[in-house]
């Protein structure tokens, strides 16, 4: 498969997708993508390369000069900071992208914005109500960009997010504060987790 040019990708993203804002990394365009070898990636975020490059340069400078608060509090050194930028995370090269389309695992922006804060320390739970009256339970320890979704469901059909709540097998929806998730685990309906995603950085985005 032939690769798309960076300009072709940017045109598609801006004409078809609403960006998800991030105070650290800037706007991210959530999509799916086919690579030039035919590999399908259901969850890919396209971002500008500038914010992460600028942050890396700053962190490298802070660490090498001993000014980093992280080095003082945690003992992390320059090598560990460099490693966190260059040897971790899931990245795909722009020249390997052959086709992009909407991801069925990305909530529409107006739905995404209804998800409010952490339910408890490092845990966010909510229930989504669909236009046909069905409900699904979701949960994540960190990432909100993409969520698993069973066949037969469409994120475009979500009409309400019920924050800090769980769906029980009985069909009842309970609030986190009124439910002991550990001791009553067997009562819970399946909680759809966040999905692994890849990032692709574009200089001109």
N, C-alpha and C. Protein backbone atom coordinates (compact mmCIF):
# COMPACT_ATOMS: atom_id res chain seq x y z
N UNK A 1 0.85 -1.20 0.00
CA UNK A 1 0.00 0.00 0.00
C UNK A 1 0.89 1.25 0.00
N UNK A 2 0.47 2.26 -0.73
CA UNK A 2 1.23 3.49 -0.82
C UNK A 2 0.98 4.37 0.39
N UNK A 3 2.02 5.02 0.89
CA UNK A 3 1.86 5.88 2.05
C UNK A 3 1.20 7.20 1.67
N UNK A 4 0.47 7.78 2.63
CA UNK A 4 -0.10 9.10 2.46
C UNK A 4 0.96 10.15 2.75
N UNK A 5 0.84 11.29 2.13
CA UNK A 5 1.74 12.40 2.46
C UNK A 5 1.25 13.04 3.76
N UNK A 6 2.14 13.76 4.43
CA UNK A 6 1.75 14.44 5.66
C UNK A 6 0.62 15.43 5.41
N UNK A 7 0.67 16.13 4.29
CA UNK A 7 -0.38 17.10 3.97
C UNK A 7 -1.72 16.42 3.74
N UNK A 8 -1.71 15.26 3.11
CA UNK A 8 -2.96 14.51 2.89
C UNK A 8 -3.57 14.08 4.22
N UNK A 9 -2.72 13.64 5.14
CA UNK A 9 -3.19 13.22 6.46
C UNK A 9 -3.79 14.40 7.20
N UNK A 10 -3.11 15.53 7.19
CA UNK A 10 -3.58 16.71 7.91
C UNK A 10 -4.92 17.20 7.35
N UNK A 11 -5.06 17.19 6.04
CA UNK A 11 -6.33 17.60 5.42
C UNK A 11 -7.47 16.71 5.90
N UNK A 12 -7.23 15.39 5.90
CA UNK A 12 -8.28 14.47 6.36
C UNK A 12 -8.62 14.72 7.82
N UNK A 13 -7.63 14.86 8.66
CA UNK A 13 -7.87 15.04 10.10
C UNK A 13 -8.70 16.29 10.36
N UNK A 14 -8.32 17.38 9.75
CA UNK A 14 -9.00 18.65 10.02
C UNK A 14 -10.39 18.72 9.41
N UNK A 15 -10.61 17.97 8.33
CA UNK A 15 -11.92 18.00 7.69
C UNK A 15 -12.90 17.00 8.29
N UNK A 16 -12.39 15.96 8.97
CA UNK A 16 -13.27 14.88 9.40
C UNK A 16 -13.32 14.61 10.91
N UNK A 17 -12.34 15.11 11.67
CA UNK A 17 -12.26 14.76 13.08
C UNK A 17 -12.17 16.01 13.95
N UNK A 18 -12.79 15.93 15.13
CA UNK A 18 -12.67 17.00 16.11
C UNK A 18 -11.52 16.68 17.05
N UNK A 19 -10.59 17.59 17.26
CA UNK A 19 -9.44 17.30 18.12
C UNK A 19 -9.80 17.25 19.59
N UNK A 20 -9.14 16.38 20.31
CA UNK A 20 -9.26 16.30 21.76
C UNK A 20 -8.12 17.09 22.36
N UNK A 21 -8.45 18.15 23.10
CA UNK A 21 -7.42 19.03 23.64
C UNK A 21 -6.68 18.38 24.81
N UNK A 22 -5.41 18.67 24.91
CA UNK A 22 -4.58 18.20 26.02
C UNK A 22 -3.64 19.32 26.40
N UNK A 23 -3.63 19.68 27.68
CA UNK A 23 -2.84 20.83 28.12
C UNK A 23 -1.33 20.60 27.97
N UNK A 24 -0.91 19.36 27.95
CA UNK A 24 0.51 19.04 27.81
C UNK A 24 0.93 18.80 26.37
N UNK A 25 0.12 18.05 25.64
CA UNK A 25 0.52 17.59 24.32
C UNK A 25 -0.18 18.30 23.18
N UNK A 26 -1.10 19.21 23.48
CA UNK A 26 -1.82 19.89 22.42
C UNK A 26 -2.96 19.04 21.88
N UNK A 27 -3.65 19.52 20.86
CA UNK A 27 -4.78 18.78 20.31
C UNK A 27 -4.37 17.45 19.69
N UNK A 28 -5.19 16.42 19.93
CA UNK A 28 -4.93 15.10 19.36
C UNK A 28 -6.12 14.64 18.53
N UNK A 29 -5.84 14.16 17.34
CA UNK A 29 -6.89 13.68 16.44
C UNK A 29 -6.95 12.16 16.52
N UNK A 30 -8.05 11.64 17.05
CA UNK A 30 -8.20 10.20 17.28
C UNK A 30 -8.78 9.52 16.06
N UNK A 31 -8.11 8.47 15.60
CA UNK A 31 -8.54 7.80 14.38
C UNK A 31 -8.11 6.34 14.39
N UNK A 32 -8.37 5.67 13.30
CA UNK A 32 -7.78 4.35 13.04
C UNK A 32 -6.91 4.50 11.80
N UNK A 33 -6.04 3.53 11.55
CA UNK A 33 -5.13 3.66 10.42
C UNK A 33 -4.70 2.30 9.88
N UNK A 34 -4.49 2.26 8.57
CA UNK A 34 -3.83 1.13 7.93
C UNK A 34 -2.40 1.54 7.62
N UNK A 35 -1.46 0.63 7.89
CA UNK A 35 -0.06 0.87 7.54
C UNK A 35 0.22 0.36 6.13
N UNK A 36 1.36 0.73 5.61
CA UNK A 36 1.68 0.37 4.23
C UNK A 36 1.80 -1.13 4.02
N UNK A 37 2.02 -1.90 5.10
CA UNK A 37 2.10 -3.36 4.95
C UNK A 37 0.74 -4.03 5.18
N UNK A 38 -0.32 -3.22 5.33
CA UNK A 38 -1.66 -3.75 5.53
C UNK A 38 -2.08 -3.90 6.98
N UNK A 39 -1.16 -3.68 7.91
CA UNK A 39 -1.50 -3.77 9.34
C UNK A 39 -2.56 -2.72 9.69
N UNK A 40 -3.58 -3.15 10.44
CA UNK A 40 -4.63 -2.23 10.86
C UNK A 40 -4.45 -1.87 12.32
N UNK A 41 -4.40 -0.58 12.61
CA UNK A 41 -4.32 -0.07 13.98
C UNK A 41 -5.63 0.63 14.30
N UNK A 42 -6.46 0.06 15.17
CA UNK A 42 -7.79 0.63 15.42
C UNK A 42 -7.77 1.93 16.20
N UNK A 43 -6.66 2.22 16.89
CA UNK A 43 -6.60 3.40 17.74
C UNK A 43 -5.26 4.13 17.54
N UNK A 44 -5.32 5.28 16.87
CA UNK A 44 -4.13 6.08 16.61
C UNK A 44 -4.47 7.55 16.90
N UNK A 45 -3.57 8.24 17.60
CA UNK A 45 -3.73 9.67 17.83
C UNK A 45 -2.65 10.41 17.04
N UNK A 46 -3.09 11.36 16.24
CA UNK A 46 -2.15 12.22 15.52
C UNK A 46 -1.98 13.52 16.29
N UNK A 47 -0.73 13.90 16.53
CA UNK A 47 -0.43 15.13 17.27
C UNK A 47 0.68 15.91 16.56
N UNK A 48 0.77 17.19 16.90
CA UNK A 48 1.91 17.98 16.47
C UNK A 48 3.15 17.51 17.22
N UNK A 49 4.28 17.48 16.55
CA UNK A 49 5.52 17.05 17.19
C UNK A 49 6.09 18.15 18.10
N UNK A 50 5.69 19.39 17.92
CA UNK A 50 6.31 20.51 18.64
C UNK A 50 6.19 20.42 20.16
N UNK A 51 4.99 20.19 20.74
CA UNK A 51 4.90 20.16 22.21
C UNK A 51 5.80 19.13 22.87
N UNK A 52 5.85 17.92 22.32
CA UNK A 52 6.66 16.88 22.97
C UNK A 52 8.15 17.14 22.76
N UNK A 53 8.53 17.69 21.61
CA UNK A 53 9.94 18.02 21.39
C UNK A 53 10.37 19.15 22.32
N UNK A 54 9.52 20.18 22.46
CA UNK A 54 9.85 21.29 23.35
C UNK A 54 9.97 20.82 24.80
N UNK A 55 9.03 19.94 25.22
CA UNK A 55 9.08 19.43 26.59
C UNK A 55 10.33 18.59 26.82
N UNK A 56 10.68 17.76 25.85
CA UNK A 56 11.88 16.93 25.99
C UNK A 56 13.13 17.80 26.12
N UNK A 57 13.23 18.82 25.30
CA UNK A 57 14.39 19.72 25.36
C UNK A 57 14.49 20.38 26.73
N UNK A 58 13.35 20.81 27.26
CA UNK A 58 13.34 21.45 28.57
C UNK A 58 13.74 20.48 29.67
N UNK A 59 13.15 19.26 29.63
CA UNK A 59 13.45 18.28 30.66
C UNK A 59 14.92 17.84 30.61
N UNK A 60 15.46 17.67 29.41
CA UNK A 60 16.86 17.29 29.28
C UNK A 60 17.76 18.38 29.87
N UNK A 61 17.42 19.64 29.58
CA UNK A 61 18.21 20.76 30.10
C UNK A 61 18.12 20.83 31.61
N UNK A 62 16.88 20.68 32.15
CA UNK A 62 16.69 20.73 33.61
C UNK A 62 17.46 19.61 34.30
N UNK A 63 17.39 18.42 33.74
CA UNK A 63 18.05 17.27 34.37
C UNK A 63 19.57 17.42 34.33
N UNK A 64 20.09 17.86 33.19
CA UNK A 64 21.55 17.94 33.07
C UNK A 64 22.13 19.06 33.94
N UNK A 65 21.29 20.06 34.26
CA UNK A 65 21.76 21.17 35.10
C UNK A 65 21.42 20.97 36.57
N UNK A 66 20.69 19.88 36.89
CA UNK A 66 20.33 19.58 38.27
C UNK A 66 19.17 20.40 38.81
N UNK A 67 18.41 21.04 37.92
CA UNK A 67 17.31 21.90 38.36
C UNK A 67 15.97 21.18 38.47
N UNK A 68 15.92 19.94 38.03
CA UNK A 68 14.64 19.24 37.97
C UNK A 68 14.13 18.87 39.36
N UNK A 69 12.86 19.20 39.64
CA UNK A 69 12.25 18.82 40.92
C UNK A 69 12.06 17.32 41.01
N UNK A 70 11.92 16.66 39.85
CA UNK A 70 11.73 15.21 39.85
C UNK A 70 13.01 14.50 40.27
N UNK A 71 14.13 15.01 39.84
CA UNK A 71 15.40 14.39 40.23
C UNK A 71 15.61 14.50 41.73
N UNK A 72 15.24 15.64 42.30
CA UNK A 72 15.44 15.86 43.73
C UNK A 72 14.51 14.99 44.57
N UNK A 73 13.27 14.81 44.11
CA UNK A 73 12.29 14.10 44.93
C UNK A 73 12.30 12.59 44.72
N UNK A 74 12.65 12.14 43.52
CA UNK A 74 12.53 10.72 43.22
C UNK A 74 13.86 10.04 42.94
N UNK A 75 14.90 10.81 42.71
CA UNK A 75 16.19 10.21 42.41
C UNK A 75 16.38 9.85 40.94
N UNK A 76 15.39 10.17 40.12
CA UNK A 76 15.53 9.91 38.69
C UNK A 76 16.64 10.77 38.12
N UNK A 77 17.41 10.20 37.26
CA UNK A 77 18.53 10.92 36.68
C UNK A 77 18.32 11.24 35.22
N UNK A 78 19.32 11.88 34.65
CA UNK A 78 19.26 12.31 33.25
C UNK A 78 18.96 11.15 32.31
N UNK A 79 19.62 10.02 32.52
CA UNK A 79 19.43 8.86 31.65
C UNK A 79 17.98 8.37 31.68
N UNK A 80 17.37 8.37 32.87
CA UNK A 80 15.99 7.91 33.00
C UNK A 80 15.02 8.84 32.28
N UNK A 81 15.29 10.15 32.33
CA UNK A 81 14.42 11.10 31.65
C UNK A 81 14.54 10.94 30.14
N UNK A 82 15.76 10.79 29.65
CA UNK A 82 15.94 10.58 28.21
C UNK A 82 15.22 9.30 27.79
N UNK A 83 15.37 8.25 28.59
CA UNK A 83 14.72 6.98 28.28
C UNK A 83 13.21 7.13 28.19
N UNK A 84 12.62 7.94 29.08
CA UNK A 84 11.17 8.10 29.10
C UNK A 84 10.65 8.72 27.81
N UNK A 85 11.48 9.51 27.14
CA UNK A 85 11.06 10.14 25.88
C UNK A 85 11.39 9.32 24.65
N UNK A 86 12.52 8.63 24.66
CA UNK A 86 12.97 7.98 23.43
C UNK A 86 12.80 6.47 23.41
N UNK A 87 12.55 5.84 24.57
CA UNK A 87 12.48 4.38 24.60
C UNK A 87 11.23 3.85 25.28
N UNK A 88 10.18 4.66 25.35
CA UNK A 88 8.89 4.20 25.88
C UNK A 88 7.77 4.73 24.99
N UNK A 89 6.58 4.19 25.19
CA UNK A 89 5.43 4.65 24.42
C UNK A 89 5.26 3.90 23.11
N UNK A 90 4.07 4.03 22.52
CA UNK A 90 3.75 3.38 21.26
C UNK A 90 3.68 4.43 20.16
N UNK A 91 4.62 4.36 19.22
CA UNK A 91 4.68 5.35 18.14
C UNK A 91 4.66 4.67 16.78
N UNK A 92 4.06 5.37 15.82
CA UNK A 92 4.08 4.90 14.45
C UNK A 92 4.58 6.05 13.58
N UNK A 93 5.41 5.74 12.61
CA UNK A 93 5.97 6.76 11.74
C UNK A 93 4.96 7.24 10.72
N UNK A 94 4.96 8.52 10.43
CA UNK A 94 4.00 9.08 9.48
C UNK A 94 4.16 8.45 8.10
N UNK A 95 5.39 8.12 7.71
CA UNK A 95 5.60 7.56 6.38
C UNK A 95 5.11 6.12 6.26
N UNK A 96 4.68 5.51 7.37
CA UNK A 96 4.10 4.16 7.32
C UNK A 96 2.58 4.17 7.23
N UNK A 97 1.97 5.36 7.27
CA UNK A 97 0.51 5.47 7.22
C UNK A 97 0.02 5.45 5.78
N UNK A 98 -0.86 4.50 5.45
CA UNK A 98 -1.39 4.37 4.10
C UNK A 98 -2.84 4.85 3.99
N UNK A 99 -3.58 4.76 5.11
CA UNK A 99 -5.00 5.13 5.08
C UNK A 99 -5.44 5.44 6.50
N UNK A 100 -6.29 6.45 6.67
CA UNK A 100 -6.84 6.75 7.99
C UNK A 100 -8.36 6.89 7.89
N UNK A 101 -9.01 6.60 8.99
CA UNK A 101 -10.46 6.70 9.06
C UNK A 101 -10.86 6.90 10.52
N UNK A 102 -12.13 7.15 10.75
CA UNK A 102 -12.61 7.31 12.11
C UNK A 102 -12.46 6.01 12.89
N UNK A 103 -12.17 6.13 14.17
CA UNK A 103 -12.06 4.95 15.02
C UNK A 103 -13.38 4.71 15.75
N UNK A 104 -13.85 3.48 15.73
CA UNK A 104 -15.10 3.16 16.43
C UNK A 104 -14.92 3.14 17.95
N UNK A 105 -13.68 3.27 18.39
CA UNK A 105 -13.40 3.23 19.83
C UNK A 105 -13.16 4.62 20.43
N UNK A 106 -13.34 5.66 19.62
CA UNK A 106 -13.18 7.05 20.09
C UNK A 106 -14.56 7.67 20.28
N UNK A 107 -14.85 8.10 21.50
CA UNK A 107 -16.12 8.77 21.75
C UNK A 107 -16.14 10.11 21.01
N UNK A 108 -17.30 10.50 20.46
CA UNK A 108 -17.41 11.84 19.90
C UNK A 108 -17.04 12.89 20.95
N UNK A 109 -16.52 14.01 20.49
CA UNK A 109 -16.02 15.01 21.42
C UNK A 109 -17.08 15.46 22.42
N UNK A 110 -18.32 15.66 21.96
CA UNK A 110 -19.37 16.12 22.87
C UNK A 110 -19.69 15.09 23.95
N UNK A 111 -19.45 13.81 23.67
CA UNK A 111 -19.61 12.75 24.66
C UNK A 111 -18.39 12.70 25.57
N UNK A 112 -17.21 12.77 24.97
CA UNK A 112 -15.96 12.73 25.72
C UNK A 112 -15.93 13.81 26.80
N UNK A 113 -16.43 15.00 26.46
CA UNK A 113 -16.38 16.12 27.40
C UNK A 113 -17.32 15.94 28.59
N UNK A 114 -18.20 14.96 28.53
CA UNK A 114 -19.11 14.69 29.65
C UNK A 114 -18.44 13.86 30.76
N UNK A 115 -17.30 13.24 30.45
CA UNK A 115 -16.60 12.42 31.45
C UNK A 115 -15.90 13.36 32.41
N UNK A 116 -16.24 13.29 33.68
CA UNK A 116 -15.77 14.26 34.66
C UNK A 116 -14.85 13.64 35.72
N UNK A 117 -13.58 13.95 35.63
CA UNK A 117 -12.60 13.68 36.68
C UNK A 117 -12.47 12.24 37.16
N UNK A 118 -11.61 12.06 38.15
CA UNK A 118 -11.36 10.74 38.72
C UNK A 118 -12.49 10.35 39.66
N UNK A 119 -12.87 9.08 39.60
CA UNK A 119 -13.87 8.54 40.52
C UNK A 119 -13.23 8.28 41.88
N UNK A 120 -12.04 7.74 41.85
CA UNK A 120 -11.22 7.55 43.05
C UNK A 120 -9.78 7.67 42.59
N UNK A 121 -8.83 7.51 43.50
CA UNK A 121 -7.43 7.70 43.15
C UNK A 121 -7.01 6.80 41.98
N UNK A 122 -6.63 7.43 40.87
CA UNK A 122 -6.16 6.71 39.67
C UNK A 122 -7.22 5.78 39.09
N UNK A 123 -8.47 6.10 39.24
CA UNK A 123 -9.54 5.26 38.70
C UNK A 123 -10.73 6.13 38.30
N UNK A 124 -11.19 5.97 37.06
CA UNK A 124 -12.36 6.68 36.56
C UNK A 124 -13.36 5.67 36.04
N UNK A 125 -14.59 5.73 36.55
CA UNK A 125 -15.65 4.80 36.14
C UNK A 125 -16.88 5.59 35.73
N UNK A 126 -17.57 5.08 34.72
CA UNK A 126 -18.82 5.72 34.29
C UNK A 126 -19.65 4.73 33.49
N UNK A 127 -20.91 5.05 33.34
CA UNK A 127 -21.84 4.26 32.53
C UNK A 127 -22.31 5.11 31.37
N UNK A 128 -22.34 4.53 30.18
CA UNK A 128 -22.84 5.23 29.00
C UNK A 128 -24.23 4.69 28.64
N UNK A 129 -25.14 5.62 28.40
CA UNK A 129 -26.48 5.25 27.96
C UNK A 129 -26.59 5.48 26.45
N UNK A 130 -27.13 4.47 25.75
CA UNK A 130 -27.27 4.55 24.30
C UNK A 130 -28.70 4.90 23.90
N UNK A 131 -28.86 5.35 22.68
CA UNK A 131 -30.16 5.85 22.22
C UNK A 131 -31.24 4.78 22.22
N UNK A 132 -30.85 3.50 22.17
CA UNK A 132 -31.84 2.42 22.20
C UNK A 132 -32.17 1.96 23.61
N UNK A 133 -31.63 2.67 24.62
CA UNK A 133 -31.93 2.34 26.01
C UNK A 133 -30.93 1.42 26.68
N UNK A 134 -29.99 0.85 25.92
CA UNK A 134 -28.99 -0.01 26.51
C UNK A 134 -27.93 0.81 27.25
N UNK A 135 -27.23 0.13 28.17
CA UNK A 135 -26.16 0.77 28.93
C UNK A 135 -24.91 -0.10 28.87
N UNK A 136 -23.76 0.54 28.98
CA UNK A 136 -22.48 -0.15 29.12
C UNK A 136 -21.67 0.53 30.20
N UNK A 137 -20.88 -0.26 30.91
CA UNK A 137 -20.02 0.25 31.97
C UNK A 137 -18.60 0.40 31.43
N UNK A 138 -17.92 1.49 31.82
CA UNK A 138 -16.56 1.75 31.37
C UNK A 138 -15.68 2.11 32.56
N UNK A 139 -14.38 1.85 32.43
CA UNK A 139 -13.46 2.21 33.50
C UNK A 139 -12.04 2.28 33.00
N UNK A 140 -11.25 3.16 33.60
CA UNK A 140 -9.85 3.30 33.21
C UNK A 140 -9.01 3.77 34.39
N UNK A 141 -7.79 3.31 34.43
CA UNK A 141 -6.86 3.76 35.47
C UNK A 141 -6.08 4.99 35.02
N UNK A 142 -6.09 5.27 33.71
CA UNK A 142 -5.27 6.40 33.26
C UNK A 142 -5.74 7.04 31.96
N UNK A 143 -5.93 6.26 30.91
CA UNK A 143 -6.17 6.82 29.58
C UNK A 143 -7.66 6.94 29.25
N UNK A 144 -8.05 8.09 28.72
CA UNK A 144 -9.45 8.33 28.35
C UNK A 144 -9.64 8.43 26.83
N UNK A 145 -8.59 8.27 26.06
CA UNK A 145 -8.66 8.57 24.63
C UNK A 145 -9.53 7.59 23.84
N UNK A 146 -9.41 6.29 24.16
CA UNK A 146 -10.18 5.25 23.47
C UNK A 146 -10.69 4.26 24.50
N UNK A 147 -11.89 3.73 24.26
CA UNK A 147 -12.45 2.70 25.14
C UNK A 147 -12.92 1.50 24.32
N UNK A 148 -12.75 0.33 24.89
CA UNK A 148 -13.24 -0.88 24.24
C UNK A 148 -14.75 -0.78 24.05
N UNK A 149 -15.24 -1.41 23.00
CA UNK A 149 -16.67 -1.33 22.68
C UNK A 149 -17.11 -2.64 22.03
N UNK A 150 -18.10 -3.32 22.59
CA UNK A 150 -18.54 -4.60 22.01
C UNK A 150 -19.15 -4.39 20.62
N UNK A 151 -19.15 -5.45 19.84
CA UNK A 151 -19.84 -5.42 18.55
C UNK A 151 -21.32 -5.11 18.78
N UNK A 152 -21.88 -4.38 17.85
CA UNK A 152 -23.30 -4.04 17.96
C UNK A 152 -23.56 -2.72 18.67
N UNK A 153 -22.49 -2.05 19.11
CA UNK A 153 -22.61 -0.75 19.76
C UNK A 153 -21.86 0.29 18.93
N UNK A 154 -22.36 1.51 18.94
CA UNK A 154 -21.76 2.60 18.19
C UNK A 154 -21.63 3.81 19.10
N UNK A 155 -20.44 4.37 19.18
CA UNK A 155 -20.24 5.53 20.06
C UNK A 155 -21.11 6.72 19.64
N UNK A 156 -21.48 6.78 18.38
CA UNK A 156 -22.34 7.88 17.91
C UNK A 156 -23.73 7.81 18.54
N UNK A 157 -24.08 6.65 19.09
CA UNK A 157 -25.41 6.46 19.68
C UNK A 157 -25.45 6.76 21.18
N UNK A 158 -24.32 7.14 21.77
CA UNK A 158 -24.30 7.48 23.20
C UNK A 158 -25.04 8.80 23.42
N UNK A 159 -26.00 8.80 24.33
CA UNK A 159 -26.78 10.02 24.60
C UNK A 159 -26.52 10.58 25.99
N UNK A 160 -25.85 9.80 26.86
CA UNK A 160 -25.62 10.31 28.21
C UNK A 160 -24.45 9.55 28.86
N UNK A 161 -23.63 10.29 29.60
CA UNK A 161 -22.58 9.71 30.43
C UNK A 161 -23.00 9.86 31.90
N UNK A 162 -23.06 8.75 32.61
CA UNK A 162 -23.42 8.77 34.03
C UNK A 162 -22.12 8.57 34.80
N UNK A 163 -21.56 9.66 35.30
CA UNK A 163 -20.24 9.64 35.90
C UNK A 163 -20.19 8.91 37.24
N UNK A 164 -19.00 8.38 37.55
CA UNK A 164 -18.69 7.76 38.85
C UNK A 164 -19.73 6.71 39.22
N UNK A 165 -19.99 5.82 38.29
CA UNK A 165 -21.04 4.82 38.50
C UNK A 165 -20.68 3.50 37.83
N UNK A 166 -21.43 2.45 38.21
CA UNK A 166 -21.24 1.10 37.65
C UNK A 166 -22.58 0.53 37.21
N UNK A 167 -22.51 -0.36 36.24
CA UNK A 167 -23.67 -1.13 35.80
C UNK A 167 -23.58 -2.51 36.42
N UNK A 168 -24.67 -2.94 37.05
CA UNK A 168 -24.71 -4.28 37.63
C UNK A 168 -25.29 -5.26 36.62
N UNK A 169 -25.06 -6.55 36.84
CA UNK A 169 -25.61 -7.59 35.97
C UNK A 169 -27.13 -7.55 35.96
N UNK A 170 -27.71 -7.05 37.03
CA UNK A 170 -29.17 -6.94 37.14
C UNK A 170 -29.73 -5.83 36.27
N UNK A 171 -28.85 -4.96 35.75
CA UNK A 171 -29.28 -3.81 34.97
C UNK A 171 -29.33 -2.52 35.79
N UNK A 172 -29.17 -2.65 37.09
CA UNK A 172 -29.20 -1.47 37.97
C UNK A 172 -27.90 -0.68 37.82
N UNK A 173 -28.02 0.63 37.91
CA UNK A 173 -26.86 1.52 37.89
C UNK A 173 -26.65 2.05 39.31
N UNK A 174 -25.42 1.88 39.83
CA UNK A 174 -25.14 2.31 41.20
C UNK A 174 -23.98 3.31 41.20
N UNK A 175 -24.01 4.23 42.12
CA UNK A 175 -22.94 5.21 42.26
C UNK A 175 -21.75 4.58 42.99
N UNK A 176 -20.56 5.01 42.62
CA UNK A 176 -19.33 4.49 43.21
C UNK A 176 -19.34 4.64 44.73
N UNK A 177 -19.81 5.78 45.22
CA UNK A 177 -19.77 6.03 46.67
C UNK A 177 -20.69 5.09 47.46
N UNK A 178 -21.66 4.47 46.77
CA UNK A 178 -22.61 3.59 47.45
C UNK A 178 -22.33 2.12 47.19
N UNK A 179 -21.20 1.82 46.55
CA UNK A 179 -20.95 0.45 46.12
C UNK A 179 -19.50 0.07 46.39
N UNK A 180 -19.30 -1.05 47.08
CA UNK A 180 -17.95 -1.57 47.35
C UNK A 180 -17.54 -2.46 46.19
N UNK A 181 -16.74 -1.92 45.30
CA UNK A 181 -16.38 -2.62 44.07
C UNK A 181 -15.57 -3.89 44.33
N UNK A 182 -14.85 -3.94 45.42
CA UNK A 182 -14.01 -5.10 45.73
C UNK A 182 -14.85 -6.26 46.27
N UNK A 183 -15.65 -6.01 47.30
CA UNK A 183 -16.41 -7.09 47.94
C UNK A 183 -17.61 -7.53 47.11
N UNK A 184 -18.09 -6.67 46.20
CA UNK A 184 -19.28 -7.01 45.40
C UNK A 184 -18.94 -7.17 43.92
N UNK A 185 -17.72 -7.58 43.65
CA UNK A 185 -17.21 -7.71 42.30
C UNK A 185 -18.10 -8.58 41.41
N UNK A 186 -18.65 -9.66 41.97
CA UNK A 186 -19.43 -10.61 41.18
C UNK A 186 -20.75 -10.02 40.69
N UNK A 187 -21.18 -8.92 41.29
CA UNK A 187 -22.44 -8.29 40.88
C UNK A 187 -22.27 -7.37 39.66
N UNK A 188 -21.03 -7.02 39.37
CA UNK A 188 -20.77 -6.05 38.31
C UNK A 188 -20.94 -6.64 36.92
N UNK A 189 -21.55 -5.86 36.04
CA UNK A 189 -21.51 -6.19 34.62
C UNK A 189 -20.10 -5.91 34.12
N UNK A 190 -19.78 -6.40 32.96
CA UNK A 190 -18.44 -6.21 32.39
C UNK A 190 -18.11 -4.73 32.30
N UNK A 191 -16.92 -4.35 32.77
CA UNK A 191 -16.44 -2.98 32.64
C UNK A 191 -15.52 -2.90 31.43
N UNK A 192 -15.91 -2.13 30.44
CA UNK A 192 -15.11 -1.98 29.23
C UNK A 192 -13.92 -1.06 29.51
N UNK A 193 -12.70 -1.55 29.34
CA UNK A 193 -11.51 -0.76 29.69
C UNK A 193 -11.07 0.17 28.57
N UNK A 194 -10.09 1.02 28.89
CA UNK A 194 -9.46 1.82 27.85
C UNK A 194 -8.67 0.91 26.92
N UNK A 195 -8.45 1.36 25.69
CA UNK A 195 -7.72 0.56 24.71
C UNK A 195 -6.32 1.13 24.50
N UNK A 196 -5.40 0.23 24.20
CA UNK A 196 -4.05 0.63 23.82
C UNK A 196 -4.11 1.43 22.52
N UNK A 197 -3.34 2.52 22.46
CA UNK A 197 -3.32 3.31 21.24
C UNK A 197 -1.89 3.68 20.86
N UNK A 198 -1.73 4.07 19.60
CA UNK A 198 -0.45 4.51 19.07
C UNK A 198 -0.51 6.02 18.82
N UNK A 199 0.64 6.66 18.86
CA UNK A 199 0.73 8.08 18.55
C UNK A 199 1.56 8.28 17.29
N UNK A 200 1.13 9.23 16.48
CA UNK A 200 1.87 9.59 15.27
C UNK A 200 2.06 11.11 15.29
N UNK A 201 3.30 11.55 15.20
CA UNK A 201 3.62 12.98 15.32
C UNK A 201 3.89 13.59 13.95
N UNK A 202 3.26 14.73 13.71
CA UNK A 202 3.38 15.43 12.46
C UNK A 202 3.97 16.82 12.71
N UNK A 203 4.99 17.19 11.95
CA UNK A 203 5.62 18.49 12.14
C UNK A 203 4.69 19.65 11.79
N UNK A 204 3.85 19.46 10.78
CA UNK A 204 3.03 20.57 10.26
C UNK A 204 1.63 20.62 10.84
N UNK A 205 1.31 19.74 11.78
CA UNK A 205 -0.05 19.70 12.33
C UNK A 205 -0.23 20.81 13.36
